[in-house]
Amino acid sequence: MRTILDKKILPLAKPMELISKYRFVLLIAAVGILLMLMPSFGGEKGQDARTAQLQNAADFSVEQTQKELEEILSDIDGVGRVRVMLTVASGIQRVYQSDREISYSGPASTPEDYTSTTQTVLLDRSGSGDEALQTQELYPPYVGALVVCDGAGNSGTVLKVKEAVSVLTGLGSDCISVARRTES
């Protein structure tokens, strides 16, 4: 004989079984919904970081890098006085956001002809005109390095210098020349 209490609890038994059976799936779904409802990360702070990153790229200087390398290499045991020259392939490259649209004519399975248009995305800066949306600044790749130092007569020192320059520039040891400094 069923009581009134059983009639009220019985309809809840089925959903409770489903919840306990799929609790991990529901938990993951709930976390996903929560993350979607949260304010996006990187709002103004992300813009500040992006601006700082672009500013750092604009501050890139081969001469400054050479001076820093000279300071670091002169601290290595046995190197002594040092001069560094780095060569790069080109200047800083800027990559801009663009929209691309492709149109086909003829049937979709075998199009007869197509046209492609690309347009750079422009930002409307109130009062100062339009500005292209820059997405990246790429540093120029190093091509070679010449290191002239007092300790180049010692093969162990030459190896240390080549390893240090290689790590800091990404150059292979075949692109790094280490020469002995003249006594003056």
Protein backbone atom coordinates (compact mmCIF):
# COMPACT_ATOMS: atom_id res chain seq x y z
CA MET A 1 0.00 0.00 0.00
CA ARG A 2 1.45 3.31 -1.08
CA THR A 3 1.36 6.33 1.09
CA ILE A 4 1.16 9.92 0.00
CA LEU A 5 4.84 10.36 0.83
CA ASP A 6 5.84 7.53 -1.55
CA LYS A 7 3.85 9.12 -4.37
CA LYS A 8 5.79 12.38 -3.94
CA ILE A 9 9.26 10.75 -3.70
CA LEU A 10 8.79 8.16 -6.47
CA PRO A 11 8.82 10.68 -9.37
CA LEU A 12 12.12 12.11 -8.00
CA ALA A 13 13.85 8.72 -7.87
CA LYS A 14 14.37 8.47 -11.64
CA PRO A 15 16.08 11.90 -12.04
CA MET A 16 18.26 11.24 -8.98
CA GLU A 17 19.46 7.98 -10.54
CA LEU A 18 20.32 9.79 -13.75
CA ILE A 19 22.15 12.53 -11.86
CA SER A 20 24.21 10.04 -9.89
CA LYS A 21 24.95 8.01 -13.04
CA TYR A 22 26.08 11.03 -15.10
CA ARG A 23 27.47 13.21 -12.30
CA PHE A 24 30.88 13.70 -13.94
CA VAL A 25 29.38 14.71 -17.27
CA LEU A 26 27.07 17.16 -15.51
CA LEU A 27 29.98 18.53 -13.48
CA ILE A 28 32.04 19.18 -16.62
CA ALA A 29 29.05 20.80 -18.33
CA ALA A 30 28.44 23.02 -15.28
CA VAL A 31 32.10 24.13 -15.21
CA GLY A 32 31.93 24.88 -18.95
CA ILE A 33 28.81 26.99 -18.52
CA LEU A 34 30.40 28.82 -15.60
CA LEU A 35 33.51 29.61 -17.66
CA MET A 36 31.39 30.91 -20.53
CA LEU A 37 29.48 33.21 -18.18
CA MET A 38 32.63 34.67 -16.61
CA PRO A 39 34.01 37.92 -18.06
CA SER A 40 36.56 37.25 -20.75
CA PHE A 41 40.16 37.08 -19.62
CA GLY A 42 42.59 39.63 -20.98
CA GLY A 43 40.19 42.57 -21.45
CA GLU A 44 42.08 45.79 -20.77
CA LYS A 45 44.97 43.95 -19.13
CA GLY A 46 45.36 41.85 -22.29
CA GLN A 47 45.43 45.02 -24.38
CA ASP A 48 48.09 46.50 -22.07
CA ALA A 49 50.19 43.35 -22.41
CA ARG A 50 49.77 43.41 -26.20
CA THR A 51 50.77 47.08 -26.32
CA ALA A 52 53.83 46.36 -24.17
CA GLN A 53 54.76 43.44 -26.42
CA LEU A 54 54.50 45.61 -29.53
CA GLN A 55 56.53 48.32 -27.79
CA ASN A 56 59.24 45.75 -26.94
CA ALA A 57 59.32 44.68 -30.58
CA ALA A 58 59.69 48.30 -31.65
CA ASP A 59 62.61 48.61 -29.22
CA PHE A 60 64.46 45.71 -30.88
CA SER A 61 67.96 46.74 -31.82
CA VAL A 62 70.80 44.61 -33.15
CA GLU A 63 73.27 47.06 -31.63
CA GLN A 64 71.69 46.72 -28.17
CA THR A 65 71.72 42.93 -28.49
CA GLN A 66 75.40 43.02 -29.45
CA LYS A 67 76.25 45.14 -26.39
CA GLU A 68 74.34 42.80 -24.08
CA LEU A 69 76.09 39.80 -25.63
CA GLU A 70 79.48 41.47 -25.13
CA GLU A 71 78.69 42.05 -21.45
CA ILE A 72 77.53 38.47 -20.92
CA LEU A 73 80.39 36.87 -22.83
CA SER A 74 83.02 38.93 -21.00
CA ASP A 75 81.74 37.41 -17.74
CA ILE A 76 82.58 33.88 -18.94
CA ASP A 77 85.82 32.54 -17.46
CA GLY A 78 88.73 32.87 -19.88
CA VAL A 79 87.03 35.09 -22.48
CA GLY A 80 88.51 38.46 -21.48
CA ARG A 81 87.77 41.53 -23.57
CA VAL A 82 85.21 40.83 -26.27
CA ARG A 83 83.50 42.40 -29.28
CA VAL A 84 80.45 40.95 -31.02
CA MET A 85 78.91 41.55 -34.43
CA LEU A 86 75.56 40.05 -35.38
CA THR A 87 74.02 40.02 -38.84
CA VAL A 88 70.29 39.71 -39.50
CA ALA A 89 68.35 38.73 -42.62
CA SER A 90 66.04 41.76 -42.71
CA GLY A 91 64.20 44.26 -40.53
CA ILE A 92 61.18 43.70 -38.29
CA GLN A 93 58.22 42.32 -40.24
CA ARG A 94 54.72 43.41 -39.34
CA VAL A 95 51.77 41.08 -39.96
CA TYR A 96 48.33 42.64 -40.36
CA GLN A 97 44.90 41.06 -39.95
CA SER A 98 43.11 40.55 -43.25
CA ASP A 99 39.80 39.15 -44.43
CA ARG A 100 39.76 36.85 -47.44
CA GLU A 101 36.73 36.06 -49.56
CA ILE A 102 36.62 33.42 -52.29
CA SER A 103 33.75 33.24 -54.80
CA TYR A 104 33.14 30.32 -57.15
CA SER A 105 31.16 30.23 -60.37
CA GLY A 106 29.60 27.07 -61.75
CA PRO A 107 28.51 23.93 -59.90
CA ALA A 108 29.94 23.34 -56.41
CA SER A 109 31.35 19.92 -57.32
CA THR A 110 33.37 21.28 -60.28
CA PRO A 111 33.65 25.05 -60.15
CA GLU A 112 34.54 26.69 -63.44
CA ASP A 113 36.23 29.77 -62.09
CA TYR A 114 36.88 31.51 -58.81
CA THR A 115 37.86 34.94 -57.59
CA SER A 116 39.68 35.75 -54.40
CA THR A 117 39.74 39.11 -52.66
CA THR A 118 41.79 40.04 -49.63
CA GLN A 119 41.19 43.14 -47.57
CA THR A 120 43.23 44.45 -44.62
CA VAL A 121 41.18 44.96 -41.46
CA LEU A 122 41.11 48.60 -40.43
CA LEU A 123 40.40 50.01 -36.97
CA ASP A 124 38.50 53.28 -36.78
CA ARG A 125 40.47 55.51 -34.41
CA SER A 126 38.14 58.38 -33.64
CA GLY A 127 39.69 61.60 -34.87
CA SER A 128 42.98 60.10 -36.03
CA GLY A 129 41.73 58.11 -39.02
CA ASP A 130 41.85 54.42 -39.85
CA GLU A 131 44.68 52.19 -38.73
CA ALA A 132 45.49 48.65 -39.90
CA LEU A 133 45.00 45.95 -37.26
CA GLN A 134 48.44 44.56 -36.53
CA THR A 135 48.51 40.96 -35.26
CA GLN A 136 52.25 40.25 -35.03
CA GLU A 137 55.70 41.74 -35.21
CA LEU A 138 58.36 39.24 -36.19
CA TYR A 139 61.97 39.79 -35.18
CA PRO A 140 64.47 39.36 -37.98
CA PRO A 141 66.31 36.05 -37.90
CA TYR A 142 70.02 36.11 -37.17
CA VAL A 143 72.25 34.99 -40.03
CA GLY A 144 75.67 34.95 -38.42
CA ALA A 145 77.83 36.08 -35.52
CA LEU A 146 81.45 37.11 -35.18
CA VAL A 147 83.02 37.15 -31.74
CA VAL A 148 86.50 38.60 -31.23
CA CYS A 149 87.93 37.93 -27.77
CA ASP A 150 91.18 37.56 -25.84
CA GLY A 151 90.57 33.93 -24.92
CA ALA A 152 89.97 32.61 -28.45
CA GLY A 153 93.37 30.86 -28.36
CA ASN A 154 91.90 28.27 -25.96
CA SER A 155 89.62 25.70 -27.61
CA GLY A 156 87.61 25.27 -24.38
CA THR A 157 86.89 29.00 -24.29
CA VAL A 158 85.91 28.99 -27.98
CA LEU A 159 83.45 26.17 -27.29
CA LYS A 160 81.93 28.06 -24.34
CA VAL A 161 81.56 31.22 -26.44
CA LYS A 162 79.98 29.35 -29.36
CA GLU A 163 77.52 27.58 -27.05
CA ALA A 164 76.54 30.85 -25.35
CA VAL A 165 76.02 32.72 -28.63
CA SER A 166 74.12 29.76 -30.08
CA VAL A 167 71.75 29.60 -27.11
CA LEU A 168 71.10 33.35 -27.12
CA THR A 169 70.66 33.82 -30.89
CA GLY A 170 69.44 30.44 -32.13
CA LEU A 171 72.35 30.21 -34.57
CA GLY A 172 74.10 26.93 -35.24
CA SER A 173 77.77 26.70 -34.32
CA ASP A 174 78.65 26.71 -38.04
CA CYS A 175 77.29 30.29 -38.26
CA ILE A 176 79.36 31.56 -35.33
CA SER A 177 82.98 32.55 -35.80
CA VAL A 178 85.26 33.13 -32.80
CA ALA A 179 88.56 34.91 -33.48
CA ARG A 180 91.45 35.90 -31.24
CA ARG A 181 91.78 39.58 -30.39
CA THR A 182 95.03 41.27 -31.38
CA GLU A 183 97.29 42.50 -28.60
CA SER A 184 97.31 46.28 -28.58
